Amino acid sequence: METVQELIPLAKEIMAQKPSGKLVKLYVLGSMLALFGVVLSLVETVCSPFTASSRWREEEAAVAELRAARELQTQALREKGKQHEAVLCSRALSKRQQGS
């Protein structure tokens, strides 16, 4: 159906054919589902800018959290490397003292 104006002639034509009760119920159910789909699409269209901005904020927060975790990890690796260097340096000094 391209326009709503076609619905009234269609309804008159269906009623002129004297359809069974089950067929009328089927037509009504289909019409209600179509109307429900239109309403849902309108609500989605109206609300989509708000949900898109909230998703963007959530993604930015997740990226910031990952960056912070990566920074902490690299800092921990640097500290571990410094400790390892200190241990190696102290071993080297102790071996020099014993050797001389």
PDB file of N, CA and C in Angstrom:
ATOM      1  N   MET A   1       0.838  -1.183   0.000  1.00  0.00           N
ATOM      2  CA  MET A   1       0.000   0.000   0.000  1.00  0.00           C
ATOM      3  C   MET A   1       0.881   1.244   0.000  1.00  0.00           C
ATOM      4  N   GLU A   2       0.681   2.075  -0.978  1.00  0.00           N
ATOM      5  CA  GLU A   2       1.501   3.276  -1.065  1.00  0.00           C
ATOM      6  C   GLU A   2       0.928   4.410  -0.229  1.00  0.00           C
ATOM      7  N   THR A   3      -0.376   4.485  -0.156  1.00  0.00           N
ATOM      8  CA  THR A   3      -0.969   5.579   0.616  1.00  0.00           C
ATOM      9  C   THR A   3      -2.044   5.040   1.546  1.00  0.00           C
ATOM     10  N   VAL A   4      -2.335   5.828   2.529  1.00  0.00           N
ATOM     11  CA  VAL A   4      -3.381   5.458   3.482  1.00  0.00           C
ATOM     12  C   VAL A   4      -4.752   5.567   2.830  1.00  0.00           C
ATOM     13  N   GLN A   5      -4.890   6.387   1.797  1.00  0.00           N
ATOM     14  CA  GLN A   5      -6.177   6.575   1.127  1.00  0.00           C
ATOM     15  C   GLN A   5      -6.654   5.307   0.431  1.00  0.00           C
ATOM     16  N   GLU A   6      -5.749   4.394   0.157  1.00  0.00           N
ATOM     17  CA  GLU A   6      -6.127   3.136  -0.476  1.00  0.00           C
ATOM     18  C   GLU A   6      -6.717   2.146   0.524  1.00  0.00           C
ATOM     19  N   LEU A   7      -6.584   2.393   1.798  1.00  0.00           N
ATOM     20  CA  LEU A   7      -7.072   1.460   2.808  1.00  0.00           C
ATOM     21  C   LEU A   7      -8.598   1.382   2.834  1.00  0.00           C
ATOM     22  N   ILE A   8      -9.268   2.520   2.719  1.00  0.00           N
ATOM     23  CA  ILE A   8     -10.733   2.530   2.787  1.00  0.00           C
ATOM     24  C   ILE A   8     -11.339   1.766   1.608  1.00  0.00           C
ATOM     25  N   PRO A   9     -10.929   2.018   0.348  1.00  0.00           N
ATOM     26  CA  PRO A   9     -11.482   1.202  -0.747  1.00  0.00           C
ATOM     27  C   PRO A   9     -11.163  -0.288  -0.597  1.00  0.00           C
ATOM     28  N   LEU A  10      -9.982  -0.604  -0.088  1.00  0.00           N
ATOM     29  CA  LEU A  10      -9.631  -2.000   0.130  1.00  0.00           C
ATOM     30  C   LEU A  10     -10.549  -2.638   1.161  1.00  0.00           C
ATOM     31  N   ALA A  11     -10.805  -1.928   2.241  1.00  0.00           N
ATOM     32  CA  ALA A  11     -11.704  -2.452   3.279  1.00  0.00           C
ATOM     33  C   ALA A  11     -13.113  -2.651   2.721  1.00  0.00           C
ATOM     34  N   LYS A  12     -13.597  -1.723   1.918  1.00  0.00           N
ATOM     35  CA  LYS A  12     -14.936  -1.859   1.314  1.00  0.00           C
ATOM     36  C   LYS A  12     -14.973  -3.067   0.380  1.00  0.00           C
ATOM     37  N   GLU A  13     -13.923  -3.264  -0.387  1.00  0.00           N
ATOM     38  CA  GLU A  13     -13.868  -4.392  -1.317  1.00  0.00           C
ATOM     39  C   GLU A  13     -13.846  -5.721  -0.568  1.00  0.00           C
ATOM     40  N   ILE A  14     -13.083  -5.768   0.514  1.00  0.00           N
ATOM     41  CA  ILE A  14     -13.010  -6.998   1.310  1.00  0.00           C
ATOM     42  C   ILE A  14     -14.368  -7.306   1.927  1.00  0.00           C
ATOM     43  N   MET A  15     -15.057  -6.279   2.443  1.00  0.00           N
ATOM     44  CA  MET A  15     -16.363  -6.495   3.073  1.00  0.00           C
ATOM     45  C   MET A  15     -17.417  -6.875   2.034  1.00  0.00           C
ATOM     46  N   ALA A  16     -17.268  -6.409   0.788  1.00  0.00           N
ATOM     47  CA  ALA A  16     -18.219  -6.756  -0.269  1.00  0.00           C
ATOM     48  C   ALA A  16     -18.109  -8.227  -0.649  1.00  0.00           C
ATOM     49  N   GLN A  17     -16.960  -8.827  -0.443  1.00  0.00           N
ATOM     50  CA  GLN A  17     -16.758 -10.230  -0.790  1.00  0.00           C
ATOM     51  C   GLN A  17     -17.273 -11.178   0.296  1.00  0.00           C
ATOM     52  N   LYS A  18     -17.746 -10.655   1.385  1.00  0.00           N
ATOM     53  CA  LYS A  18     -18.255 -11.432   2.514  1.00  0.00           C
ATOM     54  C   LYS A  18     -17.236 -12.477   2.990  1.00  0.00           C
ATOM     55  N   PRO A  19     -16.089 -11.998   3.517  1.00  0.00           N
ATOM     56  CA  PRO A  19     -15.066 -12.953   3.962  1.00  0.00           C
ATOM     57  C   PRO A  19     -15.492 -13.661   5.245  1.00  0.00           C
ATOM     58  N   SER A  20     -14.854 -14.784   5.513  1.00  0.00           N
ATOM     59  CA  SER A  20     -15.148 -15.519   6.749  1.00  0.00           C
ATOM     60  C   SER A  20     -14.558 -14.757   7.934  1.00  0.00           C
ATOM     61  N   GLY A  21     -14.988 -15.135   9.110  1.00  0.00           N
ATOM     62  CA  GLY A  21     -14.524 -14.464  10.323  1.00  0.00           C
ATOM     63  C   GLY A  21     -13.029 -14.616  10.538  1.00  0.00           C
ATOM     64  N   LYS A  22     -12.495 -15.805  10.184  1.00  0.00           N
ATOM     65  CA  LYS A  22     -11.061 -16.037  10.361  1.00  0.00           C
ATOM     66  C   LYS A  22     -10.250 -15.141   9.435  1.00  0.00           C
ATOM     67  N   LEU A  23     -10.737 -14.948   8.216  1.00  0.00           N
ATOM     68  CA  LEU A  23     -10.029 -14.105   7.267  1.00  0.00           C
ATOM     69  C   LEU A  23     -10.023 -12.644   7.718  1.00  0.00           C
ATOM     70  N   VAL A  24     -11.141 -12.182   8.266  1.00  0.00           N
ATOM     71  CA  VAL A  24     -11.211 -10.808   8.781  1.00  0.00           C
ATOM     72  C   VAL A  24     -10.234 -10.645   9.939  1.00  0.00           C
ATOM     73  N   LYS A  25     -10.183 -11.637  10.821  1.00  0.00           N
ATOM     74  CA  LYS A  25      -9.243 -11.584  11.943  1.00  0.00           C
ATOM     75  C   LYS A  25      -7.805 -11.537  11.432  1.00  0.00           C
ATOM     76  N   LEU A  26      -7.518 -12.290  10.385  1.00  0.00           N
ATOM     77  CA  LEU A  26      -6.186 -12.300   9.808  1.00  0.00           C
ATOM     78  C   LEU A  26      -5.825 -10.937   9.225  1.00  0.00           C
ATOM     79  N   TYR A  27      -6.775 -10.319   8.513  1.00  0.00           N
ATOM     80  CA  TYR A  27      -6.540  -8.978   7.973  1.00  0.00           C
ATOM     81  C   TYR A  27      -6.312  -7.958   9.084  1.00  0.00           C
ATOM     82  N   VAL A  28      -7.100  -8.037  10.126  1.00  0.00           N
ATOM     83  CA  VAL A  28      -6.963  -7.099  11.252  1.00  0.00           C
ATOM     84  C   VAL A  28      -5.615  -7.305  11.939  1.00  0.00           C
ATOM     85  N   LEU A  29      -5.238  -8.568  12.128  1.00  0.00           N
ATOM     86  CA  LEU A  29      -3.951  -8.854  12.761  1.00  0.00           C
ATOM     87  C   LEU A  29      -2.800  -8.316  11.914  1.00  0.00           C
ATOM     88  N   GLY A  30      -2.843  -8.538  10.612  1.00  0.00           N
ATOM     89  CA  GLY A  30      -1.799  -8.017   9.724  1.00  0.00           C
ATOM     90  C   GLY A  30      -1.734  -6.510   9.748  1.00  0.00           C
ATOM     91  N   SER A  31      -2.892  -5.875   9.762  1.00  0.00           N
ATOM     92  CA  SER A  31      -2.927  -4.409   9.806  1.00  0.00           C
ATOM     93  C   SER A  31      -2.347  -3.880  11.106  1.00  0.00           C
ATOM     94  N   MET A  32      -2.671  -4.549  12.211  1.00  0.00           N
ATOM     95  CA  MET A  32      -2.144  -4.101  13.504  1.00  0.00           C
ATOM     96  C   MET A  32      -0.633  -4.298  13.584  1.00  0.00           C
ATOM     97  N   LEU A  33      -0.150  -5.404  13.040  1.00  0.00           N
ATOM     98  CA  LEU A  33       1.299  -5.619  13.035  1.00  0.00           C
ATOM     99  C   LEU A  33       2.014  -4.584  12.173  1.00  0.00           C
ATOM    100  N   ALA A  34       1.412  -4.234  11.034  1.00  0.00           N
ATOM    101  CA  ALA A  34       2.006  -3.203  10.176  1.00  0.00           C
ATOM    102  C   ALA A  34       2.030  -1.855  10.889  1.00  0.00           C
ATOM    103  N   LEU A  35       0.944  -1.530  11.556  1.00  0.00           N
ATOM    104  CA  LEU A  35       0.878  -0.275  12.306  1.00  0.00           C
ATOM    105  C   LEU A  35       1.900  -0.276  13.438  1.00  0.00           C
ATOM    106  N   PHE A  36       2.027  -1.385  14.115  1.00  0.00           N
ATOM    107  CA  PHE A  36       3.004  -1.509  15.196  1.00  0.00           C
ATOM    108  C   PHE A  36       4.427  -1.328  14.660  1.00  0.00           C
ATOM    109  N   GLY A  37       4.705  -1.887  13.493  1.00  0.00           N
ATOM    110  CA  GLY A  37       6.016  -1.718  12.868  1.00  0.00           C
ATOM    111  C   GLY A  37       6.301  -0.278  12.513  1.00  0.00           C
ATOM    112  N   VAL A  38       5.294   0.430  12.026  1.00  0.00           N
ATOM    113  CA  VAL A  38       5.467   1.847  11.683  1.00  0.00           C
ATOM    114  C   VAL A  38       5.764   2.659  12.938  1.00  0.00           C
ATOM    115  N   VAL A  39       5.038   2.394  14.004  1.00  0.00           N
ATOM    116  CA  VAL A  39       5.248   3.133  15.255  1.00  0.00           C
ATOM    117  C   VAL A  39       6.648   2.857  15.805  1.00  0.00           C
ATOM    118  N   LEU A  40       7.066   1.599  15.764  1.00  0.00           N
ATOM    119  CA  LEU A  40       8.409   1.268  16.255  1.00  0.00           C
ATOM    120  C   LEU A  40       9.497   1.935  15.428  1.00  0.00           C
ATOM    121  N   SER A  41       9.322   1.976  14.127  1.00  0.00           N
ATOM    122  CA  SER A  41      10.344   2.620  13.292  1.00  0.00           C
ATOM    123  C   SER A  41      10.391   4.121  13.547  1.00  0.00           C
ATOM    124  N   LEU A  42       9.232   4.742  13.798  1.00  0.00           N
ATOM    125  CA  LEU A  42       9.233   6.170  14.128  1.00  0.00           C
ATOM    126  C   LEU A  42       9.936   6.431  15.461  1.00  0.00           C
ATOM    127  N   VAL A  43       9.674   5.596  16.448  1.00  0.00           N
ATOM    128  CA  VAL A  43      10.326   5.752  17.752  1.00  0.00           C
ATOM    129  C   VAL A  43      11.834   5.554  17.605  1.00  0.00           C
ATOM    130  N   GLU A  44      12.235   4.563  16.829  1.00  0.00           N
ATOM    131  CA  GLU A  44      13.664   4.318  16.615  1.00  0.00           C
ATOM    132  C   GLU A  44      14.324   5.499  15.915  1.00  0.00           C
ATOM    133  N   THR A  45      13.643   6.072  14.938  1.00  0.00           N
ATOM    134  CA  THR A  45      14.185   7.221  14.216  1.00  0.00           C
ATOM    135  C   THR A  45      14.349   8.423  15.137  1.00  0.00           C
ATOM    136  N   VAL A  46      13.384   8.643  16.005  1.00  0.00           N
ATOM    137  CA  VAL A  46      13.452   9.780  16.917  1.00  0.00           C
ATOM    138  C   VAL A  46      14.529   9.575  17.976  1.00  0.00           C
ATOM    139  N   CYS A  47      14.674   8.356  18.472  1.00  0.00           N
ATOM    140  CA  CYS A  47      15.608   8.091  19.573  1.00  0.00           C
ATOM    141  C   CYS A  47      17.017   7.757  19.117  1.00  0.00           C
ATOM    142  N   SER A  48      17.252   7.534  17.854  1.00  0.00           N
ATOM    143  CA  SER A  48      18.571   7.093  17.399  1.00  0.00           C
ATOM    144  C   SER A  48      19.692   8.094  17.676  1.00  0.00           C
ATOM    145  N   PRO A  49      19.494   9.406  17.582  1.00  0.00           N
ATOM    146  CA  PRO A  49      20.609  10.302  17.909  1.00  0.00           C
ATOM    147  C   PRO A  49      21.050  10.189  19.363  1.00  0.00           C
ATOM    148  N   PHE A  50      20.116   9.951  20.270  1.00  0.00           N
ATOM    149  CA  PHE A  50      20.463   9.851  21.683  1.00  0.00           C
ATOM    150  C   PHE A  50      21.213   8.567  21.970  1.00  0.00           C
ATOM    151  N   THR A  51      20.798   7.460  21.374  1.00  0.00           N
ATOM    152  CA  THR A  51      21.486   6.194  21.622  1.00  0.00           C
ATOM    153  C   THR A  51      22.852   6.185  20.961  1.00  0.00           C
ATOM    154  N   ALA A  52      22.987   6.848  19.819  1.00  0.00           N
ATOM    155  CA  ALA A  52      24.288   6.891  19.149  1.00  0.00           C
ATOM    156  C   ALA A  52      25.299   7.665  19.987  1.00  0.00           C
ATOM    157  N   SER A  53      24.870   8.761  20.588  1.00  0.00           N
ATOM    158  CA  SER A  53      25.798   9.540  21.405  1.00  0.00           C
ATOM    159  C   SER A  53      26.180   8.785  22.672  1.00  0.00           C
ATOM    160  N   SER A  54      25.254   8.043  23.254  1.00  0.00           N
ATOM    161  CA  SER A  54      25.601   7.283  24.456  1.00  0.00           C
ATOM    162  C   SER A  54      26.552   6.142  24.109  1.00  0.00           C
ATOM    163  N   ARG A  55      26.354   5.492  22.937  1.00  0.00           N
ATOM    164  CA  ARG A  55      27.292   4.447  22.514  1.00  0.00           C
ATOM    165  C   ARG A  55      28.672   5.035  22.294  1.00  0.00           C
ATOM    166  N   TRP A  56      28.725   6.237  21.713  1.00  0.00           N
ATOM    167  CA  TRP A  56      30.004   6.886  21.456  1.00  0.00           C
ATOM    168  C   TRP A  56      30.713   7.167  22.772  1.00  0.00           C
ATOM    169  N   ARG A  57      29.972   7.637  23.770  1.00  0.00           N
ATOM    170  CA  ARG A  57      30.564   7.898  25.085  1.00  0.00           C
ATOM    171  C   ARG A  57      31.077   6.610  25.725  1.00  0.00           C
ATOM    172  N   GLU A  58      30.316   5.535  25.599  1.00  0.00           N
ATOM    173  CA  GLU A  58      30.750   4.255  26.165  1.00  0.00           C
ATOM    174  C   GLU A  58      32.022   3.761  25.479  1.00  0.00           C
ATOM    175  N   GLU A  59      32.101   3.915  24.173  1.00  0.00           N
ATOM    176  CA  GLU A  59      33.293   3.494  23.447  1.00  0.00           C
ATOM    177  C   GLU A  59      34.502   4.333  23.855  1.00  0.00           C
ATOM    178  N   GLU A  60      34.316   5.630  24.010  1.00  0.00           N
ATOM    179  CA  GLU A  60      35.405   6.496  24.438  1.00  0.00           C
ATOM    180  C   GLU A  60      35.889   6.110  25.838  1.00  0.00           C
ATOM    181  N   ALA A  61      34.958   5.787  26.730  1.00  0.00           N
ATOM    182  CA  ALA A  61      35.337   5.375  28.082  1.00  0.00           C
ATOM    183  C   ALA A  61      36.106   4.063  28.044  1.00  0.00           C
ATOM    184  N   ALA A  62      35.683   3.137  27.199  1.00  0.00           N
ATOM    185  CA  ALA A  62      36.389   1.860  27.086  1.00  0.00           C
ATOM    186  C   ALA A  62      37.796   2.063  26.534  1.00  0.00           C
ATOM    187  N   VAL A  63      37.935   2.937  25.544  1.00  0.00           N
ATOM    188  CA  VAL A  63      39.255   3.219  24.980  1.00  0.00           C
ATOM    189  C   VAL A  63      40.163   3.851  26.034  1.00  0.00           C
ATOM    190  N   ALA A  64      39.621   4.781  26.807  1.00  0.00           N
ATOM    191  CA  ALA A  64      40.410   5.427  27.854  1.00  0.00           C
ATOM    192  C   ALA A  64      40.836   4.414  28.916  1.00  0.00           C
ATOM    193  N   GLU A  65      39.941   3.506  29.237  1.00  0.00           N
ATOM    194  CA  GLU A  65      40.267   2.481  30.226  1.00  0.00           C
ATOM    195  C   GLU A  65      41.368   1.559  29.707  1.00  0.00           C
ATOM    196  N   LEU A  66      41.290   1.187  28.443  1.00  0.00           N
ATOM    197  CA  LEU A  66      42.330   0.332  27.860  1.00  0.00           C
ATOM    198  C   LEU A  66      43.674   1.052  27.804  1.00  0.00           C
ATOM    199  N   ARG A  67      43.657   2.329  27.481  1.00  0.00           N
ATOM    200  CA  ARG A  67      44.906   3.098  27.454  1.00  0.00           C
ATOM    201  C   ARG A  67      45.534   3.163  28.835  1.00  0.00           C
ATOM    202  N   ALA A  68      44.700   3.390  29.855  1.00  0.00           N
ATOM    203  CA  ALA A  68      45.215   3.459  31.217  1.00  0.00           C
ATOM    204  C   ALA A  68      45.807   2.110  31.645  1.00  0.00           C
ATOM    205  N   ALA A  69      45.127   1.032  31.282  1.00  0.00           N
ATOM    206  CA  ALA A  69      45.633  -0.300  31.628  1.00  0.00           C
ATOM    207  C   ALA A  69      46.950  -0.580  30.910  1.00  0.00           C
ATOM    208  N   ARG A  70      47.049  -0.188  29.652  1.00  0.00           N
ATOM    209  CA  ARG A  70      48.291  -0.391  28.906  1.00  0.00           C
ATOM    210  C   ARG A  70      49.421   0.430  29.503  1.00  0.00           C
ATOM    211  N   GLU A  71      49.104   1.663  29.917  1.00  0.00           N
ATOM    212  CA  GLU A  71      50.126   2.518  30.527  1.00  0.00           C
ATOM    213  C   GLU A  71      50.619   1.922  31.840  1.00  0.00           C
ATOM    214  N   LEU A  72      49.709   1.397  32.653  1.00  0.00           N
ATOM    215  CA  LEU A  72      50.108   0.752  33.902  1.00  0.00           C
ATOM    216  C   LEU A  72      50.969  -0.476  33.635  1.00  0.00           C
ATOM    217  N   GLN A  73      50.607  -1.225  32.599  1.00  0.00           N
ATOM    218  CA  GLN A  73      51.373  -2.425  32.266  1.00  0.00           C
ATOM    219  C   GLN A  73      52.785  -2.060  31.806  1.00  0.00           C
ATOM    220  N   THR A  74      52.904  -1.049  30.962  1.00  0.00           N
ATOM    221  CA  THR A  74      54.235  -0.651  30.497  1.00  0.00           C
ATOM    222  C   THR A  74      55.057  -0.089  31.650  1.00  0.00           C
ATOM    223  N   GLN A  75      54.408   0.639  32.553  1.00  0.00           N
ATOM    224  CA  GLN A  75      55.125   1.176  33.707  1.00  0.00           C
ATOM    225  C   GLN A  75      55.615   0.034  34.598  1.00  0.00           C
ATOM    226  N   ALA A  76      54.792  -0.985  34.784  1.00  0.00           N
ATOM    227  CA  ALA A  76      55.201  -2.132  35.593  1.00  0.00           C
ATOM    228  C   ALA A  76      56.361  -2.870  34.928  1.00  0.00           C
ATOM    229  N   LEU A  77      56.314  -2.983  33.609  1.00  0.00           N
ATOM    230  CA  LEU A  77      57.417  -3.636  32.899  1.00  0.00           C
ATOM    231  C   LEU A  77      58.707  -2.835  33.013  1.00  0.00           C
ATOM    232  N   ARG A  78      58.618  -1.523  32.970  1.00  0.00           N
ATOM    233  CA  ARG A  78      59.812  -0.680  33.133  1.00  0.00           C
ATOM    234  C   ARG A  78      60.405  -0.866  34.515  1.00  0.00           C
ATOM    235  N   GLU A  79      59.552  -0.858  35.544  1.00  0.00           N
ATOM    236  CA  GLU A  79      60.044  -1.032  36.904  1.00  0.00           C
ATOM    237  C   GLU A  79      60.692  -2.406  37.077  1.00  0.00           C
ATOM    238  N   LYS A  80      60.077  -3.415  36.471  1.00  0.00           N
ATOM    239  CA  LYS A  80      60.644  -4.756  36.559  1.00  0.00           C
ATOM    240  C   LYS A  80      61.989  -4.810  35.847  1.00  0.00           C
ATOM    241  N   GLY A  81      62.085  -4.136  34.709  1.00  0.00           N
ATOM    242  CA  GLY A  81      63.347  -4.072  33.979  1.00  0.00           C
ATOM    243  C   GLY A  81      64.417  -3.364  34.785  1.00  0.00           C
ATOM    244  N   LYS A  82      64.056  -2.282  35.465  1.00  0.00           N
ATOM    245  CA  LYS A  82      65.019  -1.559  36.302  1.00  0.00           C
ATOM    246  C   LYS A  82      65.486  -2.430  37.455  1.00  0.00           C
ATOM    247  N   GLN A  83      64.560  -3.174  38.063  1.00  0.00           N
ATOM    248  CA  GLN A  83      64.940  -4.073  39.150  1.00  0.00           C
ATOM    249  C   GLN A  83      65.875  -5.164  38.642  1.00  0.00           C
ATOM    250  N   HIS A  84      65.579  -5.686  37.462  1.00  0.00           N
ATOM    251  CA  HIS A  84      66.425  -6.725  36.875  1.00  0.00           C
ATOM    252  C   HIS A  84      67.822  -6.175  36.593  1.00  0.00           C
ATOM    253  N   GLU A  85      67.894  -4.957  36.074  1.00  0.00           N
ATOM    254  CA  GLU A  85      69.190  -4.326  35.815  1.00  0.00           C
ATOM    255  C   GLU A  85      69.954  -4.103  37.116  1.00  0.00           C
ATOM    256  N   ALA A  86      69.244  -3.702  38.169  1.00  0.00           N
ATOM    257  CA  ALA A  86      69.898  -3.475  39.460  1.00  0.00           C
ATOM    258  C   ALA A  86      70.462  -4.784  40.006  1.00  0.00           C
ATOM    259  N   VAL A  87      69.723  -5.872  39.853  1.00  0.00           N
ATOM    260  CA  VAL A  87      70.198  -7.170  40.323  1.00  0.00           C
ATOM    261  C   VAL A  87      71.429  -7.584  39.533  1.00  0.00           C
ATOM    262  N   LEU A  88      71.390  -7.420  38.233  1.00  0.00           N
ATOM    263  CA  LEU A  88      72.533  -7.782  37.395  1.00  0.00           C
ATOM    264  C   LEU A  88      73.752  -6.923  37.723  1.00  0.00           C
ATOM    265  N   CYS A  89      73.504  -5.655  37.948  1.00  0.00           N
ATOM    266  CA  CYS A  89      74.609  -4.737  38.275  1.00  0.00           C
ATOM    267  C   CYS A  89      75.228  -5.112  39.617  1.00  0.00           C
ATOM    268  N   SER A  90      74.401  -5.428  40.600  1.00  0.00           N
ATOM    269  CA  SER A  90      74.939  -5.793  41.919  1.00  0.00           C
ATOM    270  C   SER A  90      75.696  -7.109  41.840  1.00  0.00           C
ATOM    271  N   ARG A  91      75.221  -8.042  41.025  1.00  0.00           N
ATOM    272  CA  ARG A  91      75.951  -9.303  40.850  1.00  0.00           C
ATOM    273  C   ARG A  91      77.310  -9.046  40.199  1.00  0.00           C
ATOM    274  N   ALA A  92      77.291  -8.178  39.197  1.00  0.00           N
ATOM    275  CA  ALA A  92      78.554  -7.889  38.515  1.00  0.00           C
ATOM    276  C   ALA A  92      79.534  -7.240  39.479  1.00  0.00           C
ATOM    277  N   LEU A  93      79.086  -6.336  40.330  1.00  0.00           N
ATOM    278  CA  LEU A  93      79.968  -5.695  41.293  1.00  0.00           C
ATOM    279  C   LEU A  93      80.510  -6.693  42.318  1.00  0.00           C
ATOM    280  N   SER A  94      79.646  -7.581  42.758  1.00  0.00           N
ATOM    281  CA  SER A  94      80.100  -8.549  43.747  1.00  0.00           C
ATOM    282  C   SER A  94      81.118  -9.516  43.146  1.00  0.00           C
ATOM    283  N   LYS A  95      80.968  -9.874  41.898  1.00  0.00           N
ATOM    284  CA  LYS A  95      81.930 -10.763  41.254  1.00  0.00           C
ATOM    285  C   LYS A  95      83.271 -10.048  41.050  1.00  0.00           C
ATOM    286  N   ARG A  96      83.222  -8.759  40.775  1.00  0.00           N
ATOM    287  CA  ARG A  96      84.468  -8.003  40.602  1.00  0.00           C
ATOM    288  C   ARG A  96      85.241  -7.946  41.922  1.00  0.00           C
ATOM    289  N   GLN A  97      84.517  -7.785  43.021  1.00  0.00           N
ATOM    290  CA  GLN A  97      85.187  -7.691  44.304  1.00  0.00           C
ATOM    291  C   GLN A  97      85.841  -9.027  44.685  1.00  0.00           C
ATOM    292  N   GLN A  98      85.156 -10.088  44.364  1.00  0.00           N
ATOM    293  CA  GLN A  98      85.708 -11.385  44.716  1.00  0.00           C
ATOM    294  C   GLN A  98      86.890 -11.739  43.814  1.00  0.00           C
ATOM    295  N   GLY A  99      86.847 -11.288  42.593  1.00  0.00           N
ATOM    296  CA  GLY A  99      87.897 -11.627  41.658  1.00  0.00           C
ATOM    297  C   GLY A  99      89.186 -10.869  41.918  1.00  0.00           C
ATOM    298  N   SER A 100      89.140  -9.730  42.566  1.00  0.00           N
ATOM    299  CA  SER A 100      90.356  -8.948  42.729  1.00  0.00           C
ATOM    300  C   SER A 100      91.055  -9.155  44.031  1.00  0.00           C
TER     301      SER A 100
END
